[in-house]
Amino acid sequence: MEATLSDIRHRVSVNSFEEGATLSDGEIATLVEYASQAPSSFNFQNWRFIAVRDSDAKLRLEAIAYGQKKVSQAAVTFIVLGLLNPQLRLPAALAPALEAGILDQATVDTWVGMANGMYGSNLELQRDEAIRSASMAAMTLMLAAEALGLGSGPMIGFDAAAVRKEFALADDEIPAMLLTVGRKGPGNWPRKPRFPTSSILKIV
């Protein structure tokens, strides 16, 4: 528990990475496996990750991220995607819980019916849920990176339409953010102070 709390307190958004450092397929998969433990409405798991590691692909991404060098400098830059129409994938998402006896068929059927009623024709709610779920998964990935001795940095400075075209995103995929991950390099800022708890908390 203490290690987790320490990671939360000491994580910083990294802007300078150790150039030339790499992450293996297994290390990248491990980060995404931890990210997939994040919560999501109805257990939709409405996220996907594109791990941009190839040097040419990173340069293409850097160009549509307004030339931010950290995209290429990091070992990998994830395109974190939120998925629309999550209700269509819900039966598949719940199947393992059904098979394990965590949920029964009646509960699964109820959840699927509720999800179709809530999200089926509500495009605004679908988009909100996509961004929300992708963001929680990205934060979980950042904490996993910190625990594994890596630095990370979330980015919203990119041309979403260009990312969609350059990386052939499906119509139901929304690029929520870019997330750089790698070995921390020199020159990063220390953690910036936060507002005091008393100024952001109301207990009723």
N, C-alpha and C. Protein backbone atom coordinates (compact mmCIF):
# COMPACT_ATOMS: atom_id res chain seq x y z
N MET A 1 0.83 -1.20 0.00
CA MET A 1 0.00 0.00 0.00
C MET A 1 0.86 1.26 0.00
N GLU A 2 1.92 1.25 0.82
CA GLU A 2 2.78 2.44 0.91
C GLU A 2 3.44 2.73 -0.43
N ALA A 3 3.82 1.69 -1.16
CA ALA A 3 4.45 1.90 -2.47
C ALA A 3 3.48 2.55 -3.44
N THR A 4 2.23 2.12 -3.40
CA THR A 4 1.22 2.71 -4.30
C THR A 4 1.02 4.18 -3.98
N LEU A 5 0.90 4.50 -2.70
CA LEU A 5 0.69 5.90 -2.32
C LEU A 5 1.92 6.73 -2.66
N SER A 6 3.09 6.16 -2.52
CA SER A 6 4.31 6.88 -2.89
C SER A 6 4.35 7.16 -4.38
N ASP A 7 3.94 6.19 -5.20
CA ASP A 7 3.91 6.41 -6.64
C ASP A 7 2.96 7.53 -7.02
N ILE A 8 1.81 7.60 -6.34
CA ILE A 8 0.86 8.67 -6.61
C ILE A 8 1.47 10.03 -6.28
N ARG A 9 2.17 10.10 -5.16
CA ARG A 9 2.74 11.38 -4.72
C ARG A 9 3.96 11.81 -5.54
N HIS A 10 4.69 10.87 -6.10
CA HIS A 10 5.95 11.21 -6.76
C HIS A 10 5.88 11.20 -8.28
N ARG A 11 4.77 10.72 -8.85
CA ARG A 11 4.65 10.74 -10.30
C ARG A 11 4.65 12.18 -10.82
N VAL A 12 5.39 12.41 -11.89
CA VAL A 12 5.38 13.70 -12.57
C VAL A 12 5.12 13.45 -14.05
N SER A 13 4.64 14.48 -14.74
CA SER A 13 4.48 14.38 -16.19
C SER A 13 5.83 14.67 -16.82
N VAL A 14 6.39 13.65 -17.45
CA VAL A 14 7.76 13.73 -17.97
C VAL A 14 7.75 14.37 -19.36
N ASN A 15 8.65 15.32 -19.56
CA ASN A 15 8.81 15.96 -20.86
C ASN A 15 10.14 15.63 -21.51
N SER A 16 11.08 15.10 -20.73
CA SER A 16 12.40 14.75 -21.25
C SER A 16 12.66 13.28 -20.97
N PHE A 17 12.90 12.54 -22.05
CA PHE A 17 13.14 11.10 -21.93
C PHE A 17 14.57 10.77 -22.35
N GLU A 18 15.04 9.64 -21.87
CA GLU A 18 16.36 9.15 -22.24
C GLU A 18 16.30 8.64 -23.68
N GLU A 19 16.97 9.33 -24.57
CA GLU A 19 16.92 8.96 -25.98
C GLU A 19 17.62 7.64 -26.23
N GLY A 20 17.03 6.85 -27.09
CA GLY A 20 17.62 5.55 -27.41
C GLY A 20 17.14 4.42 -26.53
N ALA A 21 16.52 4.75 -25.39
CA ALA A 21 15.98 3.69 -24.52
C ALA A 21 14.76 3.07 -25.19
N THR A 22 14.60 1.77 -25.03
CA THR A 22 13.51 1.06 -25.69
C THR A 22 12.71 0.25 -24.69
N LEU A 23 11.52 -0.14 -25.10
CA LEU A 23 10.69 -1.06 -24.33
C LEU A 23 10.37 -2.25 -25.24
N SER A 24 10.43 -3.43 -24.69
CA SER A 24 10.14 -4.64 -25.46
C SER A 24 8.63 -4.81 -25.67
N ASP A 25 8.28 -5.73 -26.55
CA ASP A 25 6.86 -6.06 -26.74
C ASP A 25 6.24 -6.47 -25.41
N GLY A 26 6.98 -7.27 -24.65
CA GLY A 26 6.45 -7.75 -23.37
C GLY A 26 6.23 -6.62 -22.38
N GLU A 27 7.16 -5.67 -22.33
CA GLU A 27 7.00 -4.53 -21.41
C GLU A 27 5.82 -3.66 -21.80
N ILE A 28 5.65 -3.46 -23.08
CA ILE A 28 4.50 -2.68 -23.56
C ILE A 28 3.20 -3.40 -23.23
N ALA A 29 3.17 -4.71 -23.48
CA ALA A 29 1.96 -5.48 -23.18
C ALA A 29 1.65 -5.46 -21.69
N THR A 30 2.68 -5.50 -20.85
CA THR A 30 2.48 -5.45 -19.40
C THR A 30 1.82 -4.14 -18.99
N LEU A 31 2.29 -3.03 -19.54
CA LEU A 31 1.69 -1.73 -19.23
C LEU A 31 0.22 -1.70 -19.61
N VAL A 32 -0.11 -2.23 -20.79
CA VAL A 32 -1.51 -2.20 -21.24
C VAL A 32 -2.35 -3.18 -20.42
N GLU A 33 -1.76 -4.30 -20.00
CA GLU A 33 -2.51 -5.23 -19.15
C GLU A 33 -2.89 -4.58 -17.84
N TYR A 34 -1.96 -3.81 -17.26
CA TYR A 34 -2.31 -3.08 -16.03
C TYR A 34 -3.35 -2.00 -16.32
N ALA A 35 -3.20 -1.30 -17.43
CA ALA A 35 -4.17 -0.26 -17.80
C ALA A 35 -5.58 -0.84 -17.90
N SER A 36 -5.67 -2.07 -18.38
CA SER A 36 -6.98 -2.70 -18.59
C SER A 36 -7.67 -3.07 -17.28
N GLN A 37 -6.98 -2.90 -16.16
CA GLN A 37 -7.62 -3.15 -14.86
C GLN A 37 -8.44 -1.96 -14.38
N ALA A 38 -8.42 -0.86 -15.12
CA ALA A 38 -9.18 0.34 -14.74
C ALA A 38 -10.68 0.03 -14.76
N PRO A 39 -11.45 0.78 -14.00
CA PRO A 39 -12.90 0.58 -14.02
C PRO A 39 -13.54 1.19 -15.26
N SER A 40 -14.70 0.66 -15.63
CA SER A 40 -15.50 1.24 -16.71
C SER A 40 -16.96 0.91 -16.47
N SER A 41 -17.83 1.76 -16.95
CA SER A 41 -19.27 1.56 -16.77
C SER A 41 -19.69 0.20 -17.32
N PHE A 42 -20.45 -0.56 -16.55
CA PHE A 42 -20.92 -1.90 -16.94
C PHE A 42 -19.77 -2.87 -17.26
N ASN A 43 -18.54 -2.50 -16.93
CA ASN A 43 -17.36 -3.26 -17.34
C ASN A 43 -17.23 -3.28 -18.87
N PHE A 44 -17.58 -2.16 -19.51
CA PHE A 44 -17.49 -2.05 -20.97
C PHE A 44 -16.08 -2.33 -21.48
N GLN A 45 -15.07 -1.83 -20.73
CA GLN A 45 -13.68 -1.90 -21.20
C GLN A 45 -13.57 -1.25 -22.59
N ASN A 46 -14.18 -0.08 -22.72
CA ASN A 46 -14.28 0.59 -24.02
C ASN A 46 -13.06 1.46 -24.29
N TRP A 47 -11.93 0.77 -24.44
CA TRP A 47 -10.66 1.44 -24.72
C TRP A 47 -9.82 0.57 -25.65
N ARG A 48 -8.88 1.19 -26.29
CA ARG A 48 -7.89 0.47 -27.10
C ARG A 48 -6.62 1.32 -27.11
N PHE A 49 -5.48 0.68 -27.34
CA PHE A 49 -4.19 1.37 -27.30
C PHE A 49 -3.40 1.05 -28.56
N ILE A 50 -2.87 2.08 -29.19
CA ILE A 50 -1.92 1.91 -30.27
C ILE A 50 -0.56 2.31 -29.72
N ALA A 51 0.36 1.36 -29.66
CA ALA A 51 1.70 1.62 -29.13
C ALA A 51 2.61 1.99 -30.29
N VAL A 52 2.94 3.27 -30.39
CA VAL A 52 3.77 3.76 -31.49
C VAL A 52 5.22 3.71 -31.04
N ARG A 53 5.95 2.71 -31.56
CA ARG A 53 7.33 2.47 -31.14
C ARG A 53 8.32 2.62 -32.30
N ASP A 54 7.89 2.25 -33.51
CA ASP A 54 8.75 2.36 -34.68
C ASP A 54 9.17 3.81 -34.90
N SER A 55 10.43 4.03 -35.21
CA SER A 55 10.95 5.40 -35.31
C SER A 55 10.24 6.21 -36.40
N ASP A 56 9.95 5.59 -37.53
CA ASP A 56 9.25 6.32 -38.59
C ASP A 56 7.83 6.67 -38.18
N ALA A 57 7.16 5.72 -37.53
CA ALA A 57 5.80 5.98 -37.06
C ALA A 57 5.78 7.08 -36.00
N LYS A 58 6.80 7.09 -35.14
CA LYS A 58 6.87 8.14 -34.12
C LYS A 58 7.08 9.51 -34.76
N LEU A 59 7.87 9.57 -35.82
CA LEU A 59 8.06 10.85 -36.51
C LEU A 59 6.77 11.31 -37.17
N ARG A 60 6.00 10.38 -37.72
CA ARG A 60 4.70 10.74 -38.30
C ARG A 60 3.77 11.28 -37.22
N LEU A 61 3.80 10.64 -36.06
CA LEU A 61 2.94 11.10 -34.96
C LEU A 61 3.43 12.43 -34.42
N GLU A 62 4.74 12.59 -34.31
CA GLU A 62 5.30 13.86 -33.83
C GLU A 62 4.84 15.03 -34.70
N ALA A 63 4.81 14.80 -36.01
CA ALA A 63 4.42 15.87 -36.94
C ALA A 63 2.99 16.33 -36.71
N ILE A 64 2.11 15.43 -36.30
CA ILE A 64 0.71 15.81 -36.07
C ILE A 64 0.45 16.08 -34.59
N ALA A 65 1.53 16.06 -33.81
CA ALA A 65 1.46 16.50 -32.40
C ALA A 65 2.21 17.83 -32.27
N TYR A 66 2.13 18.61 -33.34
CA TYR A 66 2.69 19.96 -33.38
C TYR A 66 4.19 19.99 -33.10
N GLY A 67 4.89 18.92 -33.56
CA GLY A 67 6.34 18.90 -33.48
C GLY A 67 6.91 18.68 -32.10
N GLN A 68 6.13 18.17 -31.17
CA GLN A 68 6.63 17.95 -29.81
C GLN A 68 7.61 16.77 -29.81
N LYS A 69 8.87 17.06 -29.50
CA LYS A 69 9.95 16.10 -29.64
C LYS A 69 9.80 14.89 -28.72
N LYS A 70 9.11 15.05 -27.62
CA LYS A 70 9.00 13.94 -26.68
C LYS A 70 8.27 12.74 -27.29
N VAL A 71 7.46 12.99 -28.32
CA VAL A 71 6.76 11.88 -28.98
C VAL A 71 7.77 10.90 -29.57
N SER A 72 8.83 11.42 -30.19
CA SER A 72 9.87 10.57 -30.76
C SER A 72 10.92 10.16 -29.74
N GLN A 73 11.14 11.01 -28.75
CA GLN A 73 12.18 10.77 -27.75
C GLN A 73 11.81 9.63 -26.82
N ALA A 74 10.53 9.52 -26.47
CA ALA A 74 10.07 8.46 -25.57
C ALA A 74 10.25 7.09 -26.21
N ALA A 75 10.36 6.07 -25.38
CA ALA A 75 10.49 4.72 -25.91
C ALA A 75 9.25 4.31 -26.69
N VAL A 76 8.09 4.72 -26.22
CA VAL A 76 6.83 4.43 -26.90
C VAL A 76 5.86 5.56 -26.61
N THR A 77 5.06 5.90 -27.60
CA THR A 77 3.97 6.85 -27.38
C THR A 77 2.67 6.12 -27.69
N PHE A 78 1.83 6.02 -26.68
CA PHE A 78 0.53 5.37 -26.85
C PHE A 78 -0.50 6.36 -27.39
N ILE A 79 -1.26 5.93 -28.36
CA ILE A 79 -2.49 6.64 -28.73
C ILE A 79 -3.59 5.94 -27.94
N VAL A 80 -4.16 6.65 -26.97
CA VAL A 80 -5.17 6.06 -26.10
C VAL A 80 -6.54 6.36 -26.69
N LEU A 81 -7.27 5.31 -27.02
CA LEU A 81 -8.55 5.44 -27.71
C LEU A 81 -9.71 5.06 -26.80
N GLY A 82 -10.76 5.87 -26.85
CA GLY A 82 -12.03 5.50 -26.26
C GLY A 82 -12.96 5.02 -27.36
N LEU A 83 -13.81 4.06 -27.05
CA LEU A 83 -14.65 3.43 -28.07
C LEU A 83 -16.11 3.81 -27.91
N LEU A 84 -16.73 4.20 -29.03
CA LEU A 84 -18.16 4.48 -29.07
C LEU A 84 -18.94 3.16 -29.17
N ASN A 85 -20.24 3.26 -29.03
CA ASN A 85 -21.13 2.09 -29.08
C ASN A 85 -20.67 0.96 -28.15
N PRO A 86 -20.34 1.28 -26.91
CA PRO A 86 -19.83 0.23 -26.02
C PRO A 86 -20.86 -0.84 -25.73
N GLN A 87 -22.14 -0.50 -25.84
CA GLN A 87 -23.19 -1.46 -25.55
C GLN A 87 -23.17 -2.65 -26.51
N LEU A 88 -22.64 -2.46 -27.71
CA LEU A 88 -22.61 -3.55 -28.69
C LEU A 88 -21.60 -4.63 -28.31
N ARG A 89 -20.58 -4.25 -27.55
CA ARG A 89 -19.55 -5.20 -27.13
C ARG A 89 -19.79 -5.74 -25.72
N LEU A 90 -20.85 -5.30 -25.08
CA LEU A 90 -21.05 -5.67 -23.68
C LEU A 90 -21.23 -7.18 -23.48
N PRO A 91 -22.02 -7.90 -24.29
CA PRO A 91 -22.11 -9.35 -24.06
C PRO A 91 -20.75 -10.03 -24.06
N ALA A 92 -19.87 -9.65 -24.98
CA ALA A 92 -18.52 -10.24 -25.01
C ALA A 92 -17.71 -9.83 -23.79
N ALA A 93 -17.88 -8.58 -23.35
CA ALA A 93 -17.14 -8.09 -22.19
C ALA A 93 -17.56 -8.82 -20.91
N LEU A 94 -18.84 -9.21 -20.83
CA LEU A 94 -19.34 -9.85 -19.62
C LEU A 94 -19.23 -11.37 -19.66
N ALA A 95 -18.94 -11.93 -20.83
CA ALA A 95 -18.90 -13.40 -20.97
C ALA A 95 -17.94 -14.07 -19.98
N PRO A 96 -16.71 -13.55 -19.77
CA PRO A 96 -15.83 -14.21 -18.80
C PRO A 96 -16.39 -14.21 -17.37
N ALA A 97 -17.07 -13.12 -16.98
CA ALA A 97 -17.67 -13.07 -15.64
C ALA A 97 -18.82 -14.06 -15.53
N LEU A 98 -19.56 -14.25 -16.62
CA LEU A 98 -20.64 -15.24 -16.64
C LEU A 98 -20.07 -16.65 -16.52
N GLU A 99 -19.02 -16.92 -17.28
CA GLU A 99 -18.40 -18.26 -17.26
C GLU A 99 -17.79 -18.57 -15.90
N ALA A 100 -17.27 -17.53 -15.23
CA ALA A 100 -16.64 -17.74 -13.91
C ALA A 100 -17.65 -17.81 -12.78
N GLY A 101 -18.93 -17.57 -13.09
CA GLY A 101 -19.95 -17.61 -12.06
C GLY A 101 -20.04 -16.35 -11.22
N ILE A 102 -19.35 -15.28 -11.66
CA ILE A 102 -19.42 -14.00 -10.95
C ILE A 102 -20.78 -13.35 -11.19
N LEU A 103 -21.26 -13.44 -12.41
CA LEU A 103 -22.58 -12.94 -12.78
C LEU A 103 -23.42 -14.10 -13.30
N ASP A 104 -24.73 -14.05 -13.08
CA ASP A 104 -25.60 -15.05 -13.67
C ASP A 104 -26.22 -14.49 -14.95
N GLN A 105 -26.87 -15.34 -15.72
CA GLN A 105 -27.40 -14.93 -17.02
C GLN A 105 -28.45 -13.83 -16.87
N ALA A 106 -29.25 -13.89 -15.83
CA ALA A 106 -30.29 -12.87 -15.63
C ALA A 106 -29.66 -11.50 -15.42
N THR A 107 -28.57 -11.45 -14.66
CA THR A 107 -27.89 -10.18 -14.42
C THR A 107 -27.27 -9.66 -15.70
N VAL A 108 -26.63 -10.55 -16.45
CA VAL A 108 -26.04 -10.15 -17.73
C VAL A 108 -27.11 -9.59 -18.65
N ASP A 109 -28.22 -10.27 -18.76
CA ASP A 109 -29.30 -9.82 -19.64
C ASP A 109 -29.83 -8.46 -19.18
N THR A 110 -29.94 -8.28 -17.87
CA THR A 110 -30.42 -6.99 -17.33
C THR A 110 -29.45 -5.88 -17.67
N TRP A 111 -28.17 -6.12 -17.46
CA TRP A 111 -27.14 -5.10 -17.76
C TRP A 111 -27.12 -4.76 -19.24
N VAL A 112 -27.20 -5.77 -20.10
CA VAL A 112 -27.19 -5.51 -21.55
C VAL A 112 -28.40 -4.68 -21.94
N GLY A 113 -29.56 -5.01 -21.38
CA GLY A 113 -30.77 -4.23 -21.68
C GLY A 113 -30.65 -2.79 -21.20
N MET A 114 -30.12 -2.60 -19.99
CA MET A 114 -29.94 -1.25 -19.46
C MET A 114 -28.95 -0.46 -20.31
N ALA A 115 -27.86 -1.09 -20.69
CA ALA A 115 -26.83 -0.40 -21.47
C ALA A 115 -27.36 0.01 -22.83
N ASN A 116 -28.12 -0.86 -23.47
CA ASN A 116 -28.71 -0.50 -24.76
C ASN A 116 -29.68 0.66 -24.62
N GLY A 117 -30.45 0.66 -23.53
CA GLY A 117 -31.38 1.76 -23.31
C GLY A 117 -30.68 3.08 -23.03
N MET A 118 -29.58 3.02 -22.29
CA MET A 118 -28.86 4.24 -21.92
C MET A 118 -28.03 4.81 -23.06
N TYR A 119 -27.31 3.93 -23.77
CA TYR A 119 -26.29 4.40 -24.72
C TYR A 119 -26.69 4.27 -26.19
N GLY A 120 -27.66 3.40 -26.48
CA GLY A 120 -27.95 3.07 -27.86
C GLY A 120 -28.17 4.25 -28.78
N SER A 121 -28.94 5.23 -28.36
CA SER A 121 -29.24 6.38 -29.22
C SER A 121 -28.69 7.69 -28.66
N ASN A 122 -27.85 7.58 -27.62
CA ASN A 122 -27.33 8.78 -26.97
C ASN A 122 -25.86 8.95 -27.33
N LEU A 123 -25.60 9.63 -28.44
CA LEU A 123 -24.23 9.79 -28.92
C LEU A 123 -23.38 10.63 -27.97
N GLU A 124 -23.99 11.60 -27.31
CA GLU A 124 -23.24 12.43 -26.37
C GLU A 124 -22.76 11.60 -25.18
N LEU A 125 -23.63 10.75 -24.66
CA LEU A 125 -23.24 9.90 -23.54
C LEU A 125 -22.19 8.88 -23.97
N GLN A 126 -22.31 8.36 -25.19
CA GLN A 126 -21.29 7.44 -25.70
C GLN A 126 -19.92 8.11 -25.73
N ARG A 127 -19.88 9.35 -26.22
CA ARG A 127 -18.60 10.06 -26.30
C ARG A 127 -18.07 10.36 -24.90
N ASP A 128 -18.94 10.82 -24.02
CA ASP A 128 -18.51 11.08 -22.64
C ASP A 128 -17.92 9.82 -22.02
N GLU A 129 -18.59 8.68 -22.23
CA GLU A 129 -18.13 7.43 -21.64
C GLU A 129 -16.80 6.99 -22.25
N ALA A 130 -16.64 7.23 -23.55
CA ALA A 130 -15.39 6.86 -24.22
C ALA A 130 -14.22 7.64 -23.65
N ILE A 131 -14.38 8.95 -23.49
CA ILE A 131 -13.31 9.78 -22.94
C ILE A 131 -13.05 9.43 -21.48
N ARG A 132 -14.13 9.22 -20.73
CA ARG A 132 -14.01 8.89 -19.31
C ARG A 132 -13.24 7.58 -19.12
N SER A 133 -13.64 6.55 -19.85
CA SER A 133 -13.00 5.25 -19.69
C SER A 133 -11.55 5.27 -20.16
N ALA A 134 -11.30 5.92 -21.30
CA ALA A 134 -9.93 6.01 -21.81
C ALA A 134 -9.04 6.76 -20.82
N SER A 135 -9.57 7.78 -20.19
CA SER A 135 -8.79 8.58 -19.25
C SER A 135 -8.44 7.78 -18.00
N MET A 136 -9.41 7.00 -17.49
CA MET A 136 -9.11 6.18 -16.32
C MET A 136 -8.08 5.10 -16.66
N ALA A 137 -8.18 4.53 -17.85
CA ALA A 137 -7.20 3.53 -18.26
C ALA A 137 -5.82 4.16 -18.42
N ALA A 138 -5.78 5.37 -18.98
CA ALA A 138 -4.50 6.06 -19.15
C ALA A 138 -3.86 6.37 -17.80
N MET A 139 -4.64 6.82 -16.82
CA MET A 139 -4.09 7.10 -15.50
C MET A 139 -3.56 5.83 -14.86
N THR A 140 -4.27 4.72 -15.03
CA THR A 140 -3.80 3.44 -14.49
C THR A 140 -2.49 3.04 -15.14
N LEU A 141 -2.37 3.26 -16.45
CA LEU A 141 -1.12 2.96 -17.15
C LEU A 141 0.02 3.83 -16.62
N MET A 142 -0.26 5.11 -16.36
CA MET A 142 0.77 6.00 -15.83
C MET A 142 1.27 5.53 -14.46
N LEU A 143 0.35 5.08 -13.61
CA LEU A 143 0.76 4.59 -12.29
C LEU A 143 1.54 3.28 -12.42
N ALA A 144 1.16 2.44 -13.38
CA ALA A 144 1.92 1.22 -13.62
C ALA A 144 3.32 1.56 -14.10
N ALA A 145 3.43 2.53 -14.99
CA ALA A 145 4.75 2.95 -15.47
C ALA A 145 5.61 3.44 -14.32
N GLU A 146 5.03 4.25 -13.44
CA GLU A 146 5.76 4.77 -12.29
C GLU A 146 6.25 3.63 -11.40
N ALA A 147 5.38 2.66 -11.17
CA ALA A 147 5.75 1.52 -10.32
C ALA A 147 6.87 0.70 -10.94
N LEU A 148 6.97 0.71 -12.26
CA LEU A 148 8.00 -0.05 -12.96
C LEU A 148 9.24 0.77 -13.24
N GLY A 149 9.32 1.96 -12.64
CA GLY A 149 10.51 2.78 -12.78
C GLY A 149 10.59 3.57 -14.08
N LEU A 150 9.45 3.76 -14.73
CA LEU A 150 9.39 4.49 -15.99
C LEU A 150 8.74 5.84 -15.79
N GLY A 151 8.98 6.75 -16.71
CA GLY A 151 8.30 8.04 -16.71
C GLY A 151 7.21 8.05 -17.76
N SER A 152 6.25 8.94 -17.58
CA SER A 152 5.14 9.04 -18.54
C SER A 152 4.66 10.47 -18.60
N GLY A 153 3.97 10.79 -19.68
CA GLY A 153 3.43 12.13 -19.83
C GLY A 153 2.20 12.13 -20.73
N PRO A 154 1.03 12.51 -20.18
CA PRO A 154 -0.18 12.59 -21.01
C PRO A 154 -0.14 13.84 -21.87
N MET A 155 -0.68 13.75 -23.08
CA MET A 155 -0.64 14.87 -24.03
C MET A 155 -2.00 15.05 -24.70
N ILE A 156 -2.45 16.31 -24.74
CA ILE A 156 -3.65 16.63 -25.51
C ILE A 156 -3.32 17.50 -26.72
N GLY A 157 -2.03 17.83 -26.89
CA GLY A 157 -1.61 18.68 -28.00
C GLY A 157 -1.36 17.88 -29.26
N PHE A 158 -2.42 17.57 -29.99
CA PHE A 158 -2.29 16.84 -31.25
C PHE A 158 -3.53 17.10 -32.10
N ASP A 159 -3.40 16.88 -33.38
CA ASP A 159 -4.49 17.06 -34.34
C ASP A 159 -5.26 15.74 -34.41
N ALA A 160 -6.42 15.70 -33.78
CA ALA A 160 -7.18 14.45 -33.68
C ALA A 160 -7.60 13.93 -35.05
N ALA A 161 -8.00 14.82 -35.93
CA ALA A 161 -8.42 14.39 -37.27
C ALA A 161 -7.24 13.78 -38.03
N ALA A 162 -6.06 14.38 -37.87
CA ALA A 162 -4.87 13.85 -38.55
C ALA A 162 -4.45 12.51 -37.97
N VAL A 163 -4.57 12.36 -36.64
CA VAL A 163 -4.28 11.07 -36.01
C VAL A 163 -5.23 10.01 -36.55
N ARG A 164 -6.50 10.36 -36.66
CA ARG A 164 -7.49 9.42 -37.19
C ARG A 164 -7.11 8.95 -38.59
N LYS A 165 -6.69 9.88 -39.43
CA LYS A 165 -6.35 9.54 -40.81
C LYS A 165 -5.03 8.78 -40.89
N GLU A 166 -4.01 9.28 -40.19
CA GLU A 166 -2.65 8.72 -40.30
C GLU A 166 -2.57 7.30 -39.75
N PHE A 167 -3.37 7.01 -38.71
CA PHE A 167 -3.29 5.70 -38.07
C PHE A 167 -4.55 4.86 -38.31
N ALA A 168 -5.33 5.27 -39.32
CA ALA A 168 -6.47 4.49 -39.82
C ALA A 168 -7.42 4.05 -38.70
N LEU A 169 -7.85 5.02 -37.90
CA LEU A 169 -8.77 4.69 -36.82
C LEU A 169 -10.14 4.33 -37.38
N ALA A 170 -10.82 3.46 -36.67
CA ALA A 170 -12.19 3.12 -37.04
C ALA A 170 -13.12 4.26 -36.66
N ASP A 171 -14.31 4.25 -37.24
CA ASP A 171 -15.27 5.33 -36.99
C ASP A 171 -15.68 5.41 -35.52
N ASP A 172 -15.61 4.29 -34.82
CA ASP A 172 -16.05 4.28 -33.42
C ASP A 172 -14.91 4.50 -32.43
N GLU A 173 -13.72 4.90 -32.93
CA GLU A 173 -12.56 5.11 -32.07
C GLU A 173 -12.24 6.61 -31.95
N ILE A 174 -12.16 7.08 -30.71
CA ILE A 174 -11.87 8.48 -30.43
C ILE A 174 -10.49 8.58 -29.79
N PRO A 175 -9.55 9.33 -30.38
CA PRO A 175 -8.26 9.52 -29.72
C PRO A 175 -8.40 10.46 -28.53
N ALA A 176 -8.39 9.89 -27.32
CA ALA A 176 -8.60 10.69 -26.11
C ALA A 176 -7.35 11.47 -25.72
N MET A 177 -6.19 10.85 -25.89
CA MET A 177 -4.93 11.50 -25.55
C MET A 177 -3.77 10.70 -26.11
N LEU A 178 -2.61 11.32 -26.16
CA LEU A 178 -1.36 10.60 -26.38
C LEU A 178 -0.70 10.42 -25.02
N LEU A 179 0.07 9.37 -24.88
CA LEU A 179 0.72 9.08 -23.60
C LEU A 179 2.13 8.57 -23.87
N THR A 180 3.11 9.42 -23.59
CA THR A 180 4.50 9.04 -23.79
C THR A 180 5.00 8.24 -22.58
N VAL A 181 5.81 7.22 -22.85
CA VAL A 181 6.37 6.39 -21.78
C VAL A 181 7.81 6.03 -22.13
N GLY A 182 8.69 6.13 -21.15
CA GLY A 182 10.08 5.75 -21.37
C GLY A 182 10.91 5.97 -20.13
N ARG A 183 12.22 5.88 -20.29
CA ARG A 183 13.13 6.16 -19.18
C ARG A 183 13.25 7.67 -19.00
N LYS A 184 13.17 8.13 -17.77
CA LYS A 184 13.24 9.56 -17.51
C LYS A 184 14.61 10.10 -17.87
N GLY A 185 14.63 11.23 -18.60
CA GLY A 185 15.87 11.88 -18.97
C GLY A 185 16.15 13.07 -18.06
N PRO A 186 17.19 13.83 -18.35
CA PRO A 186 17.54 14.98 -17.52
C PRO A 186 16.63 16.17 -17.81
N GLY A 187 16.55 17.08 -16.84
CA GLY A 187 15.89 18.35 -17.08
C GLY A 187 14.40 18.40 -16.83
N ASN A 188 13.83 17.35 -16.25
CA ASN A 188 12.41 17.38 -15.94
C ASN A 188 12.14 18.23 -14.70
N TRP A 189 11.00 18.90 -14.70
CA TRP A 189 10.62 19.68 -13.52
C TRP A 189 10.32 18.76 -12.35
N PRO A 190 10.55 19.23 -11.13
CA PRO A 190 10.05 18.48 -9.98
C PRO A 190 8.52 18.56 -9.94
N ARG A 191 7.95 17.78 -9.09
CA ARG A 191 6.49 17.76 -8.98
C ARG A 191 5.98 19.13 -8.55
N LYS A 192 5.01 19.63 -9.26
CA LYS A 192 4.45 20.96 -8.95
C LYS A 192 3.42 20.83 -7.81
N PRO A 193 3.44 21.79 -6.87
CA PRO A 193 2.50 21.73 -5.75
C PRO A 193 1.05 21.77 -6.21
N ARG A 194 0.19 21.15 -5.43
CA ARG A 194 -1.24 21.11 -5.70
C ARG A 194 -1.97 22.06 -4.75
N PHE A 195 -3.21 22.39 -5.12
CA PHE A 195 -4.05 23.17 -4.22
C PHE A 195 -4.19 22.42 -2.89
N PRO A 196 -4.28 23.13 -1.78
CA PRO A 196 -4.51 22.45 -0.51
C PRO A 196 -5.85 21.73 -0.50
N THR A 197 -5.89 20.61 0.16
CA THR A 197 -7.11 19.81 0.20
C THR A 197 -8.31 20.61 0.67
N SER A 198 -8.08 21.50 1.64
CA SER A 198 -9.19 22.28 2.21
C SER A 198 -9.86 23.16 1.17
N SER A 199 -9.15 23.51 0.09
CA SER A 199 -9.73 24.39 -0.92
C SER A 199 -10.52 23.64 -1.99
N ILE A 200 -10.40 22.31 -2.04
CA ILE A 200 -11.08 21.56 -3.08
C ILE A 200 -12.04 20.51 -2.51
N LEU A 201 -12.15 20.44 -1.19
CA LEU A 201 -12.98 19.42 -0.56
C LEU A 201 -14.13 20.04 0.22
N LYS A 202 -15.31 19.50 0.01
CA LYS A 202 -16.47 19.86 0.84
C LYS A 202 -17.08 18.55 1.33
N ILE A 203 -17.19 18.40 2.62
CA ILE A 203 -17.79 17.20 3.21
C ILE A 203 -19.19 17.57 3.70
N VAL A 204 -20.20 16.87 3.24
CA VAL A 204 -21.58 17.19 3.63
C VAL A 204 -22.23 15.99 4.30
